Every structure is written in structure tokens, then in C-alpha cells.
Protein backbone atom coordinates (compact mmCIF):
# COMPACT_ATOMS: atom_id res chain seq x y z
CA UNK A 1 33.74 42.44 67.22
CA UNK A 2 32.07 42.35 70.58
CA UNK A 3 30.77 38.51 72.55
CA UNK A 4 27.32 40.17 72.81
CA UNK A 5 27.76 40.92 69.06
CA UNK A 6 28.61 37.27 67.84
CA UNK A 7 26.41 35.88 70.28
CA UNK A 8 23.10 37.63 68.62
CA UNK A 9 24.25 36.88 65.13
CA UNK A 10 24.93 32.88 65.59
CA UNK A 11 21.64 32.74 67.37
CA UNK A 12 19.80 34.81 64.70
CA UNK A 13 21.60 32.63 62.37
CA UNK A 14 20.37 29.33 63.97
CA UNK A 15 17.10 30.48 63.86
CA UNK A 16 17.01 31.51 60.40
CA UNK A 17 17.94 27.91 59.59
CA UNK A 18 15.29 25.93 61.87
CA UNK A 19 12.96 28.45 60.31
CA UNK A 20 13.88 27.46 56.54
CA UNK A 21 13.68 23.94 57.17
CA UNK A 22 10.22 24.26 59.37
CA UNK A 23 8.65 26.22 56.40
CA UNK A 24 10.25 24.06 53.70
CA UNK A 25 8.18 20.99 55.46
CA UNK A 26 5.19 22.76 55.61
CA UNK A 27 5.19 22.87 52.02
CA UNK A 28 5.33 19.10 51.61
CA UNK A 29 2.39 16.67 51.90
CA UNK A 30 4.06 14.18 53.40
CA UNK A 31 0.80 12.35 54.29
CA UNK A 32 -0.35 12.16 51.09
CA UNK A 33 3.13 10.27 50.07
CA UNK A 34 2.30 7.63 52.79
CA UNK A 35 6.38 8.08 54.12
CA UNK A 36 4.86 7.55 57.90
CA UNK A 37 8.49 6.88 58.34
CA UNK A 38 10.01 9.70 57.02
CA UNK A 39 8.03 12.11 58.94
CA UNK A 40 8.27 10.60 62.07
CA UNK A 41 12.04 11.01 61.98
CA UNK A 42 11.69 14.45 61.00
CA UNK A 43 9.82 15.49 63.69
CA UNK A 44 12.16 13.64 66.45
CA UNK A 45 14.83 15.24 64.49
CA UNK A 46 12.99 18.47 64.96
CA UNK A 47 12.30 18.08 69.01
CA UNK A 48 15.87 16.87 68.97
CA UNK A 49 17.01 20.00 67.68
CA UNK A 50 14.90 22.46 70.18
CA UNK A 51 16.46 20.42 73.30
CA UNK A 52 20.18 20.94 71.70
CA UNK A 53 19.58 24.62 71.01
CA UNK A 54 20.93 25.85 74.42
CA UNK A 55 24.16 23.64 74.09
CA UNK A 56 24.42 24.64 70.70
CA UNK A 57 24.15 28.38 71.71
CA UNK A 58 26.69 27.93 74.50
CA UNK A 59 29.11 26.04 71.77
CA UNK A 60 28.88 28.79 69.66
CA UNK A 61 29.61 31.65 72.32
CA UNK A 62 32.92 29.68 73.21
CA UNK A 63 33.38 29.84 69.53
CA UNK A 64 32.81 33.05 69.39
CA UNK A 65 35.23 34.37 72.38
CA UNK A 66 37.96 32.27 70.41
CA UNK A 67 37.39 34.30 67.37
CA UNK A 68 37.51 37.37 69.09
CA UNK A 69 40.47 37.27 70.19
CA UNK A 70 41.83 36.29 66.80
CA UNK A 71 40.66 38.94 64.93
CA UNK A 72 40.71 41.92 67.50
CA UNK A 73 43.38 43.62 65.34
CA UNK A 74 40.90 44.29 62.38
CA UNK A 75 40.13 47.39 61.54
CA UNK A 76 36.96 49.22 62.21
CA UNK A 77 36.05 49.59 58.83
CA UNK A 78 35.66 45.55 58.66
CA UNK A 79 33.47 45.78 61.59
CA UNK A 80 31.09 48.16 60.19
CA UNK A 81 30.57 45.51 57.23
CA UNK A 82 30.15 42.94 59.52
CA UNK A 83 27.45 44.91 61.20
CA UNK A 84 25.39 45.52 58.42
CA UNK A 85 25.66 41.95 57.27
CA UNK A 86 24.38 41.26 60.78
CA UNK A 87 21.42 43.78 60.53
CA UNK A 88 20.80 42.27 57.03
CA UNK A 89 20.16 38.73 58.65
CA UNK A 90 17.96 40.12 61.58
CA UNK A 91 15.77 41.43 58.21
CA UNK A 92 15.92 37.79 56.75
CA UNK A 93 14.69 36.24 59.64
CA UNK A 94 11.83 38.55 59.81
CA UNK A 95 10.64 37.25 56.88
CA UNK A 96 10.73 33.85 57.13
CA UNK A 97 8.96 33.39 60.37
CA UNK A 98 5.58 31.49 60.35
CA UNK A 99 2.43 33.84 59.94
CA UNK A 100 0.77 33.38 62.67
CA UNK A 101 3.83 34.72 64.92
CA UNK A 102 3.60 37.94 66.79
CA UNK A 103 5.54 40.79 64.76
CA UNK A 104 6.79 41.90 68.05
CA UNK A 105 8.23 38.47 68.93
CA UNK A 106 11.06 38.54 70.99
CA UNK A 107 13.86 36.75 69.87
CA UNK A 108 17.42 35.15 71.40
CA UNK A 109 19.90 37.96 71.92
CA UNK A 110 17.50 40.26 70.54
CA UNK A 111 15.20 42.92 71.89
CA UNK A 112 11.45 42.89 70.73
CA UNK A 113 11.16 44.38 67.33
CA UNK A 114 8.51 47.31 67.33
CA UNK A 115 5.32 46.65 66.31
CA UNK A 116 4.31 47.17 62.38
CA UNK A 117 1.51 48.41 60.74
CA UNK A 118 -0.89 46.13 59.14
CA UNK A 119 -1.52 48.91 56.47
CA UNK A 120 2.20 49.03 55.24
CA UNK A 121 2.81 48.13 51.46
CA UNK A 122 4.34 45.08 49.99
CA UNK A 123 6.85 47.42 48.36
CA UNK A 124 7.91 49.00 51.89
CA UNK A 125 8.76 45.33 53.48
CA UNK A 126 12.61 45.20 53.38
CA UNK A 127 13.30 42.30 50.91
CA UNK A 128 15.90 39.77 52.72
CA UNK A 129 19.35 40.23 52.13
CA UNK A 130 21.43 37.82 50.02
CA UNK A 131 24.85 36.47 52.01
CA UNK A 132 28.23 36.57 50.97
CA UNK A 133 29.85 33.48 49.95
CA UNK A 134 32.00 33.67 53.22
CA UNK A 135 29.23 34.14 55.12
CA UNK A 136 27.33 31.33 53.91
CA UNK A 137 30.17 28.92 54.24
CA UNK A 138 30.59 29.99 57.84
CA UNK A 139 27.04 29.61 58.35
CA UNK A 140 27.22 25.67 56.77
CA UNK A 141 29.92 25.12 58.85
CA UNK A 142 27.71 26.25 62.06
CA UNK A 143 24.49 24.68 61.08
CA UNK A 144 24.24 21.39 63.16
CA UNK A 145 24.36 18.20 61.04
CA UNK A 146 20.54 17.39 62.36
CA UNK A 147 19.69 20.35 60.97
CA UNK A 148 21.10 19.94 57.47
CA UNK A 149 19.78 16.42 57.46
CA UNK A 150 15.87 17.84 57.79
CA UNK A 151 16.67 20.08 55.18
CA UNK A 152 17.80 17.55 52.97
CA UNK A 153 14.82 15.23 53.97
CA UNK A 154 12.50 18.17 52.73
CA UNK A 155 14.19 18.11 49.50
CA UNK A 156 13.99 14.50 49.02
CA UNK A 157 10.24 14.64 49.86
CA UNK A 158 9.58 17.26 47.32
CA UNK A 159 11.51 15.38 44.70
CA UNK A 160 9.32 12.35 45.80
CA UNK A 161 5.97 14.28 45.40
CA UNK A 162 7.13 15.62 41.81
CA UNK A 163 7.63 11.99 40.69
CA UNK A 164 4.38 11.00 42.31
CA UNK A 165 2.52 13.39 39.86
CA UNK A 166 4.37 12.23 36.98
CA UNK A 167 3.73 8.53 37.68
CA UNK A 168 0.08 9.42 38.19
CA UNK A 169 0.05 11.58 34.49
CA UNK A 170 1.59 8.60 32.94
CA UNK A 171 -0.60 5.90 34.35
CA UNK A 172 -3.35 8.00 33.29
CA UNK A 173 -1.95 8.29 29.98
CA UNK A 174 -1.60 4.55 29.79
CA UNK A 175 -5.08 4.31 31.11
CA UNK A 176 -6.40 6.31 28.32
CA UNK A 177 -4.68 4.82 25.53
CA UNK A 178 -5.87 1.26 27.10
CA UNK A 179 -9.04 2.57 26.86
CA UNK A 180 -8.99 3.82 23.03
CA UNK A 181 -7.46 0.65 22.27
CA UNK A 182 -10.43 -1.71 23.61
CA UNK A 183 -13.11 0.75 21.78
CA UNK A 184 -10.96 0.29 18.51
CA UNK A 185 -10.99 -3.50 19.18
CA UNK A 186 -14.77 -3.43 19.13
CA UNK A 187 -15.35 -0.93 16.05
CA UNK A 188 -16.28 -2.36 12.52
CA UNK A 189 -13.63 -0.66 10.31
CA UNK A 190 -14.28 -0.54 6.47
CA UNK A 191 -11.43 -1.92 4.50
CA UNK A 192 -10.47 -1.85 0.44
CA UNK A 193 -9.28 -4.10 -1.63
CA UNK A 194 -8.36 -4.80 -5.35
CA UNK A 195 -10.51 -5.70 -8.00
CA UNK A 196 -10.35 -5.88 -11.48
CA UNK A 197 -13.84 -7.29 -13.14
CA UNK A 198 -13.89 -5.99 -17.18
CA UNK A 199 -17.33 -4.21 -18.12
CA UNK A 200 -19.16 -5.00 -14.30
CA UNK A 201 -21.16 -2.10 -13.16
CA UNK A 202 -22.19 -2.99 -9.65
CA UNK A 203 -25.17 -0.19 -9.77
CA UNK A 204 -26.92 -2.10 -12.93
CA UNK A 205 -25.43 -5.73 -11.90
CA UNK A 206 -24.32 -7.47 -9.06
CA UNK A 207 -21.52 -7.13 -6.38
CA UNK A 208 -18.79 -9.30 -6.24
CA UNK A 209 -18.87 -11.79 -3.58
CA UNK A 210 -15.60 -12.18 -1.18
CA UNK A 211 -15.29 -15.04 1.34
CA UNK A 212 -13.69 -13.70 4.79
CA UNK A 213 -12.62 -16.35 7.41
CA UNK A 214 -9.85 -15.65 10.15
CA UNK A 215 -9.67 -14.29 13.52
CA UNK A 216 -10.60 -10.78 15.16
CA UNK A 217 -9.13 -9.30 18.05
CA UNK A 218 -11.36 -11.03 20.53
CA UNK A 219 -9.87 -14.31 19.54
CA UNK A 220 -13.14 -15.23 17.77
CA UNK A 221 -13.34 -16.86 14.48
CA UNK A 222 -14.46 -15.35 11.70
CA UNK A 223 -16.47 -17.34 8.20
CA UNK A 224 -18.67 -15.17 6.53
CA UNK A 225 -19.33 -13.48 2.65
CA UNK A 226 -19.23 -9.94 2.30
CA UNK A 227 -19.76 -7.71 -1.02
CA UNK A 228 -17.39 -5.39 -2.69
CA UNK A 229 -18.41 -2.98 -6.05
CA UNK A 230 -16.14 -2.76 -8.93
CA UNK A 231 -13.93 -0.70 -7.19
CA UNK A 232 -13.05 -3.23 -3.94
CA UNK A 233 -15.20 -1.16 -1.75
CA UNK A 234 -18.10 -2.45 1.33
CA UNK A 235 -15.98 -4.62 3.43
CA UNK A 236 -16.31 -3.95 7.29
CA UNK A 237 -13.96 -5.75 9.92
CA UNK A 238 -13.60 -5.69 13.38
CA UNK A 239 -9.57 -5.52 13.86
CA UNK A 240 -8.02 -8.98 13.56
CA UNK A 241 -6.20 -11.17 10.85
CA UNK A 242 -8.08 -12.66 7.96
CA UNK A 243 -7.83 -14.72 4.60
CA UNK A 244 -9.86 -13.33 1.41
CA UNK A 245 -11.24 -15.17 -1.82
CA UNK A 246 -13.43 -14.75 -4.17
CA UNK A 247 -16.48 -16.36 -3.19
CA UNK A 248 -18.29 -16.65 -6.98
CA UNK A 249 -19.19 -14.49 -9.88
CA UNK A 250 -21.26 -11.33 -9.73
CA UNK A 251 -23.04 -10.69 -12.97
CA UNK A 252 -22.82 -7.58 -15.24
CA UNK A 253 -25.83 -5.72 -16.59
CA UNK A 254 -25.67 -7.59 -20.00
CA UNK A 255 -25.36 -11.00 -18.22
CA UNK A 256 -21.62 -11.60 -18.04
CA UNK A 257 -20.26 -14.30 -16.03
CA UNK A 258 -16.80 -14.32 -14.63
CA UNK A 259 -13.98 -16.29 -14.20
CA UNK A 260 -13.72 -16.94 -10.31
CA UNK A 261 -9.91 -16.79 -9.23
CA UNK A 262 -8.45 -19.27 -7.34
CA UNK A 263 -5.90 -16.83 -4.99
CA UNK A 264 -6.24 -16.00 -1.69
CA UNK A 265 -5.03 -13.39 0.22
CA UNK A 266 -3.80 -12.91 3.96
CA UNK A 267 -4.25 -9.08 5.18
CA UNK A 268 -4.40 -7.38 8.83
CA UNK A 269 -6.75 -5.05 9.43
CA UNK A 270 -5.79 -2.38 12.01
CA UNK A 271 -7.26 0.88 11.02
CA UNK A 272 -10.71 2.17 9.47
CA UNK A 273 -10.45 3.12 5.61
CA UNK A 274 -7.53 0.88 5.34
CA UNK A 275 -6.68 -0.06 1.89
CA UNK A 276 -5.23 -3.75 1.50
CA UNK A 277 -5.15 -3.44 -2.41
CA UNK A 278 -1.73 -3.63 -2.43
CA UNK A 279 -2.25 -7.33 -0.30
CA UNK A 280 -5.48 -8.52 -1.62
CA UNK A 281 -6.15 -7.93 -5.13
CA UNK A 282 -7.86 -10.11 -7.51
CA UNK A 283 -8.45 -10.78 -11.12
CA UNK A 284 -12.16 -11.98 -12.63
CA UNK A 285 -11.58 -12.61 -16.61
CA UNK A 286 -14.44 -13.37 -18.97
CA UNK A 287 -14.34 -16.33 -20.46
CA UNK A 288 -15.80 -17.04 -23.97
CA UNK A 289 -19.81 -16.49 -23.27
CA UNK A 290 -20.51 -20.00 -25.18
CA UNK A 291 -18.45 -22.09 -22.55
CA UNK A 292 -20.79 -20.52 -19.61
CA UNK A 293 -22.48 -23.54 -17.68
CA UNK A 294 -25.91 -23.60 -16.19
CA UNK A 295 -24.45 -24.29 -12.84
CA UNK A 296 -21.77 -21.08 -13.43
CA UNK A 297 -24.87 -19.00 -13.59
CA UNK A 298 -26.94 -20.50 -10.74
CA UNK A 299 -24.25 -19.77 -8.39
CA UNK A 300 -23.78 -16.31 -9.52
CA UNK A 301 -27.64 -15.52 -9.46
CA UNK A 302 -27.20 -17.23 -5.75
CA UNK A 303 -24.60 -14.78 -4.42
CA UNK A 304 -26.41 -12.10 -6.21
CA UNK A 305 -29.75 -13.06 -4.07
CA UNK A 306 -28.09 -12.82 -1.10
CA UNK A 307 -26.18 -9.56 -1.05
CA UNK A 308 -25.07 -9.07 -4.06
CA UNK A 309 -27.91 -7.58 -6.01
CA UNK A 310 -30.26 -4.93 -4.40
CA UNK A 311 -33.46 -7.46 -4.34
CA UNK A 312 -34.44 -11.06 -5.10
CA UNK A 313 -35.90 -9.85 -8.45
CA UNK A 314 -33.02 -7.69 -9.32
CA UNK A 315 -30.96 -11.32 -9.14
CA UNK A 316 -33.60 -12.99 -11.06
CA UNK A 317 -33.06 -10.33 -13.98
CA UNK A 318 -29.47 -10.66 -14.34
CA UNK A 319 -29.43 -14.40 -14.29
CA UNK A 320 -31.70 -14.20 -17.29
CA UNK A 321 -29.75 -12.12 -19.13
CA UNK A 322 -26.61 -14.49 -18.09
CA UNK A 323 -28.51 -17.38 -19.58
CA UNK A 324 -29.67 -15.68 -22.54
CA UNK A 325 -26.37 -14.22 -23.22
CA UNK A 326 -24.79 -17.59 -23.18
CA UNK A 327 -27.49 -19.53 -25.53
CA UNK A 328 -26.47 -16.37 -28.36
CA UNK A 329 -23.34 -17.15 -28.12
CA UNK A 330 -23.65 -20.92 -28.49
CA UNK A 331 -26.37 -20.28 -31.28
CA UNK A 332 -24.06 -17.91 -32.57
CA UNK A 333 -21.11 -20.70 -32.40
CA UNK A 334 -23.07 -23.06 -33.84
CA UNK A 335 -23.66 -21.35 -36.94
CA UNK A 336 -20.23 -20.38 -37.46
CA UNK A 337 -19.11 -24.22 -37.15
CA UNK A 338 -22.04 -25.11 -39.54
CA UNK A 339 -20.94 -22.43 -42.16
CA UNK A 340 -17.09 -23.88 -41.72
CA UNK A 341 -18.48 -27.10 -42.15
CA UNK A 342 -20.00 -26.05 -45.67
CA UNK A 343 -16.76 -24.22 -46.64
CA UNK A 344 -14.74 -27.00 -45.98
CA UNK A 345 -16.53 -29.14 -47.90
CA UNK A 346 -16.77 -26.34 -50.81
CA UNK A 347 -12.75 -25.90 -50.52
CA UNK A 348 -12.33 -29.77 -50.38
CA UNK A 349 -11.45 -30.98 -54.37
CA UNK A 350 -11.11 -34.70 -55.24
CA UNK A 351 -10.17 -36.57 -58.22
CA UNK A 352 -9.63 -40.52 -58.55
CA UNK A 353 -6.02 -40.34 -57.65
CA UNK A 354 -5.62 -37.47 -55.20
CA UNK A 355 -7.32 -34.87 -53.44
CA UNK A 356 -6.50 -31.51 -51.33
CA UNK A 357 -8.23 -28.33 -49.62
CA UNK A 358 -8.18 -25.09 -51.72
CA UNK A 359 -6.30 -22.88 -49.10
CA UNK A 360 -8.77 -20.35 -46.95
CA UNK A 361 -6.92 -17.55 -48.42
CA UNK A 362 -8.06 -18.39 -51.82
CA UNK A 363 -11.53 -19.26 -50.91
CA UNK A 364 -14.34 -17.50 -52.83
CA UNK A 365 -11.73 -15.75 -55.05
CA UNK A 366 -10.89 -18.91 -56.84
CA UNK A 367 -13.22 -21.59 -58.52
CA UNK A 368 -12.02 -24.86 -60.25
CA UNK A 369 -12.74 -27.24 -62.99
CA UNK A 370 -11.19 -30.79 -63.29
CA UNK A 371 -11.04 -33.07 -66.32
CA UNK A 372 -9.67 -37.03 -64.73
CA UNK A 373 -6.52 -36.22 -62.99
CA UNK A 374 -6.20 -32.68 -63.81
CA UNK A 375 -7.57 -30.32 -61.32
CA UNK A 376 -7.32 -26.67 -62.74
CA UNK A 377 -7.96 -23.56 -60.04
CA UNK A 378 -8.24 -20.15 -61.97
CA UNK A 379 -9.37 -16.86 -60.88
CA UNK A 380 -13.20 -16.11 -59.98
CA UNK A 381 -14.02 -13.21 -62.08
CA UNK A 382 -11.97 -14.85 -64.99
CA UNK A 383 -11.94 -18.57 -66.10
CA UNK A 384 -9.16 -17.82 -68.42
CA UNK A 385 -6.68 -16.56 -65.87
CA UNK A 386 -5.60 -20.05 -64.35
CA UNK A 387 -3.80 -19.51 -61.13
CA UNK A 388 -2.22 -23.22 -61.00
CA UNK A 389 -3.05 -26.67 -62.65
CA UNK A 390 -2.59 -29.75 -61.17
CA UNK A 391 -1.60 -33.13 -62.99
CA UNK A 392 -1.08 -36.56 -61.44
CA UNK A 393 1.88 -38.09 -63.26
CA UNK A 394 2.82 -41.91 -63.08
CA UNK A 395 6.49 -42.05 -61.55
CA UNK A 396 9.45 -42.37 -63.65
CA UNK A 397 7.42 -40.38 -66.32
CA UNK A 398 8.38 -36.88 -67.54
CA UNK A 399 6.50 -33.68 -66.98
CA UNK A 400 6.33 -30.75 -69.63
CA UNK A 401 3.65 -27.80 -68.28
CA UNK A 402 1.90 -25.47 -71.01
CA UNK A 403 3.63 -22.79 -72.67
CA UNK A 404 4.42 -19.74 -70.47
CA UNK A 405 3.97 -21.80 -67.42
CA UNK A 406 6.63 -22.99 -64.67
CA UNK A 407 7.06 -26.13 -62.28
CA UNK A 408 5.90 -24.21 -59.11
CA UNK A 409 6.30 -27.65 -56.80
CA UNK A 410 5.42 -30.91 -56.74
CA UNK A 411 3.78 -33.60 -54.04
CA UNK A 412 4.28 -37.32 -53.83
CA UNK A 413 1.48 -39.36 -53.45
CA UNK A 414 3.25 -42.64 -51.93
CA UNK A 415 0.86 -44.88 -54.34
CA UNK A 416 3.14 -44.44 -57.94
CA UNK A 417 2.36 -41.22 -58.18
CA UNK A 418 3.06 -37.61 -58.26
CA UNK A 419 1.07 -34.33 -58.23
CA UNK A 420 2.75 -31.33 -60.49
CA UNK A 421 1.61 -28.17 -60.37
CA UNK A 422 2.48 -25.34 -62.62
CA UNK A 423 1.14 -21.83 -63.66
CA UNK A 424 2.17 -18.67 -64.95
CA UNK A 425 4.84 -16.74 -62.47
CA UNK A 426 2.69 -13.73 -61.52
CA UNK A 427 4.92 -11.52 -59.38
CA UNK A 428 7.05 -11.55 -62.52
CA UNK A 429 4.79 -11.54 -65.48
CA UNK A 430 2.48 -9.11 -64.22
CA UNK A 431 4.92 -6.22 -63.72
CA UNK A 432 6.48 -6.94 -66.84
CA UNK A 433 3.09 -6.52 -68.72
CA UNK A 434 2.02 -3.35 -66.88
CA UNK A 435 5.51 -1.63 -67.77
CA UNK A 436 4.69 -2.25 -71.34
CA UNK A 437 7.35 -4.69 -72.10
CA UNK A 438 4.80 -7.29 -74.02
CA UNK A 439 1.75 -5.79 -74.73
CA UNK A 440 -0.78 -3.11 -73.55
CA UNK A 441 -1.18 -3.47 -69.51
CA UNK A 442 -5.10 -2.23 -70.01
CA UNK A 443 -5.94 -5.17 -72.31
CA UNK A 444 -3.93 -8.17 -70.86
CA UNK A 445 -4.62 -7.72 -66.83
CA UNK A 446 -6.51 -4.28 -65.51
CA UNK A 447 -4.33 -3.22 -62.76
CA UNK A 448 -7.13 -4.45 -59.91
CA UNK A 449 -6.79 -8.34 -61.78
CA UNK A 450 -3.01 -7.59 -61.72
CA UNK A 451 -2.72 -6.89 -57.83
CA UNK A 452 -5.17 -9.79 -57.15
CA UNK A 453 -3.33 -12.18 -59.11
CA UNK A 454 -0.41 -10.69 -57.22
CA UNK A 455 -1.44 -11.03 -53.56
CA UNK A 456 -2.81 -15.12 -54.35
CA UNK A 457 0.44 -16.05 -55.34
CA UNK A 458 2.02 -14.30 -52.34
CA UNK A 459 0.08 -14.21 -49.40
CA UNK A 460 -0.48 -10.73 -49.28
CA UNK A 461 3.52 -11.00 -48.04
CA UNK A 462 4.26 -7.93 -50.55
CA UNK A 463 2.56 -5.17 -51.64
CA UNK A 464 2.20 -5.14 -55.72
CA UNK A 465 4.40 -1.57 -55.59
CA UNK A 466 7.04 -3.65 -54.02
CA UNK A 467 7.16 -6.40 -56.09
CA UNK A 468 7.20 -3.99 -58.91
CA UNK A 469 9.81 -1.81 -57.86
CA UNK A 470 11.65 -3.78 -55.71
CA UNK A 471 11.57 -7.53 -55.78
CA UNK A 472 11.61 -7.91 -59.63
CA UNK A 473 11.39 -4.40 -61.18
CA UNK A 474 11.05 -3.55 -64.85
CA UNK A 475 14.14 -5.28 -65.63
CA UNK A 476 12.23 -8.76 -64.69
CA UNK A 477 14.19 -10.65 -62.00
CA UNK A 478 12.80 -14.06 -63.21
CA UNK A 479 14.49 -16.09 -60.11
CA UNK A 480 13.60 -13.78 -57.42
CA UNK A 481 9.38 -13.92 -58.39
CA UNK A 482 9.36 -17.61 -59.04
CA UNK A 483 10.76 -17.75 -55.47
CA UNK A 484 7.98 -15.90 -54.02
CA UNK A 485 5.82 -17.93 -55.64
CA UNK A 486 6.99 -21.31 -55.53
CA UNK A 487 7.91 -20.40 -51.75
CA UNK A 488 3.92 -19.54 -50.96
CA UNK A 489 2.76 -22.43 -52.49
CA UNK A 490 4.60 -24.92 -50.68
CA UNK A 491 2.91 -23.76 -47.53
CA UNK A 492 -0.68 -23.21 -48.03
CA UNK A 493 -1.25 -25.47 -51.02
CA UNK A 494 1.49 -28.31 -51.64
CA UNK A 495 1.45 -30.04 -48.19
CA UNK A 496 -2.70 -30.66 -48.53
CA UNK A 497 -2.32 -32.83 -51.45
CA UNK A 498 -2.84 -36.43 -50.24
CA UNK A 499 -4.04 -39.76 -52.05
CA UNK A 500 -7.58 -40.77 -52.50
CA UNK A 501 -8.50 -43.06 -49.35
């Protein structure tokens, strides 16, 4: 390869490297990044590279002569390949020139290129050739350090541009999120709590007043009464932390007043439509209507008028309903108590030596007759069917029951007398009679009477069929039957027998 050829090749490579670096810098808006120092350094290096162009070309010529002597023995085919490579690099150099340069510009070491018709199609323009690995390595070694630094500066500047764009996007996103948070912080959020009030329908009764206190997202203190329906809906708050409690009782359409729970709940409001029933749940119980006071009714009516009811007139109607319900319950309770007193008086029996109360289970089903200190309790529907007879006997004296009766229990009066209770053992006698062991069951004990006698003497703890078929049976287990009756009388009758005052 001749010295002239190598000179042209080196000059072309240097020009191409310089053009590529300048084109990279043209694509980078260094002014937009405000990197003034980097721009000044890059411009200085471009000027220095231009001034050193002559000396670099001379050094390249000297190196080419030394290489020519070493490669003089290479064959002609290799020279042809290198000629093709040089031609390809000339084509690449033309493609990298700035757009405003003439297509006939004279390059160092090259003659003037022929003029190109501007109507030539893009597809007809030859594409830049790709250098081989060996050529790329040679070009890297020939490129001056200043030109390499200039190209690196272009890459760094491009990275900074990309980084600046990413930062701007992230900063815009952060600002957008902050704006959304600021809007939400000043937006009322609807929340739902858990409530249970049996029988309450807020469409016909009043709503439940809820006391809300705490601090919203602006740091402002909050203390107000809000109202929810029977489903716990109706509260709207700004985001923040609050304490919720039931302020008072609602009034149901029938006048029901509820017991106000004392529990409190801590909640945090964060979003619209938030369900707080897991953190704030309240149960309003229904007390006995006769225990409701005027103060409770007045307080409930006040909350109904202030926001729980649709109008003051509706609140007034609900108050009247609550008062009427309470008064009716009080009257009913009074009536029951009066009747109970009358019943207790009727159940209370007394002789000169002792007194007792007829068991509540027997009341209305039995009657009594009295002779001195002897008191007989018999079946109300049949005076000839005694259930139990009570006799006071002086301590130390013996007692013998009537024929067919059994001593069913005793009660010491503590005044020198003991009361003996005796009578038939009906859990034993009745099944035996019904089974025909003694006489015709119909004439002795009709079935209804037999069942009632067994129930009265066992306290309905066992049915007639159980006593007949299992506990006693037709074979007559007298001891088992007697125990059933004595155990029951020991519970309901004997404890009530006391000495007379």
C-alpha cells in the first residue's frame, strides 16, 4: 500500500470521527441542562483538535511509512480488500457531513466529489459500511485522546438529559399525588358504623344520635352530634382520628326507648364509603317499659327534635308515643302486682298454731277446709279427694294417719309442736286403680282426675304414662311412688309451714 493511499485513509478516519462527535453534540441541548462548564470545555477541545489537525496528520504519515515497509510483502489480494475498505469509509464520511455543507466539498487527501442530483431517491444513497473488528481497533488507536473525550462528554450529556427528564416526570407525579391528597383532606367522607337496636325503623322512628369528637386532618378539633339510621349509615367526616359514642336513645314508632351503651370507639377516617363496623359497633338494649323515666323520654325527644326526626312535629309525636307506652306498662305492672297480692292473700292459710302458703303450682286447682289446728287441702273439683292433710301434734306425742294415708312429711314449729303432712300416695294408688288391681277405674278416678292428681303430687316432673309404665308400673312399686311425692312436697309445701306469730 502506498504512502499516499494510507494518508488518504487516515485523514478520512480522522474527519469522520470529528464529524460524528460534532453531530452528537448538536443533538444534545447542553444549554437546557445549564451545564455551562461542560459546554465551554467541549468547545475548547474542538478548537484544540482543529489546531492539532496538521500535526496529527503528519504523525499519521510517519506511522504510515513505517507500516508500509512492514507490509510490503503482502499479496495483491489483501491490497484490494483494503482498497474496498477505504472506499467504504469514504462513503460513510460523506453521510456524516453536516446538512449545510456542499456535496462537492473538497476533503483532505481526496479530490472534489462529483455533484449529486438532489432528485436522487433515498434508496439510491449508499449506506455506510460497517468497519471490521481490526479496522475499528486501528481507528480507536489512531483517534486522539481529546476526540475520544469529546465523544464521551456527548454520551454523558445525553444521559444527563434523560435523567433530567425522568426527574421532571417523577417530580410531576409527586406534585399530582400531593394535590390529590390535599383535595381528599378537605373532602367529607361518608362512613358506616355498626348498630343494633331491636325493632327500630328510622323511617318511622327517630335516628340514633352519635357523639363524635377528635381531630381532623387539618388539626382542627371536632365535637359534634351526628345521626345514623338502623344500619349505621349517615355520618360524614373529614379524614382524621375520632372517638365515637352513642349520645342518647332514639324513639321507635311504638314509643320504645333504648338503654344507651357507655362504650366508646376509636376510629380513623381515611376514605369515602369506609366501613367502621368492625371498630365501632354499639348495641342498644330495650329495658322494661315500666322502668323508663320521664328524663329518659325527654332526652330522647330532644335528640329527635335536633336532628333525629324529620321535623319537630314528628319528634313531638314520638315523645307522646314513648310516654303512652311507659304509662301503659306501669299500669299493667301495677295490676299484676295487685293481683299477685290478692293471690298471695288467698294462698295464705293460718291456724292458731301455724301458717302456710298454698304452692303457686296448686293455686286455683285446690281448696281447703279447716278444723282447729287441722287443715285439709283437697282437689277443687272434688271435695272428697284430699291431697294432703296437715295436723299439729305436741312434741313427744305420736301421730297415726287415716286409713290408706301415708306420712308425707313433717315440719317442726319450734314452739313445742310439729306439723304432720299425710295423704294418699297418688303416684302409686292411681296407676294401680286404673290397671284394675282394686276396683273399676272409671268410678274410682276418672282419667282426667287421675292425671291431675299425679301432676299435683309430683309437680309435673313426670307424666302419668311415665309413672304408670316405668316408675311404678302395674306391679306396684310403693316405695318409688312414695319418694316421688314426698320429695316434691318437701320442696313446695313443707318449707312454707311456720309457727303462728
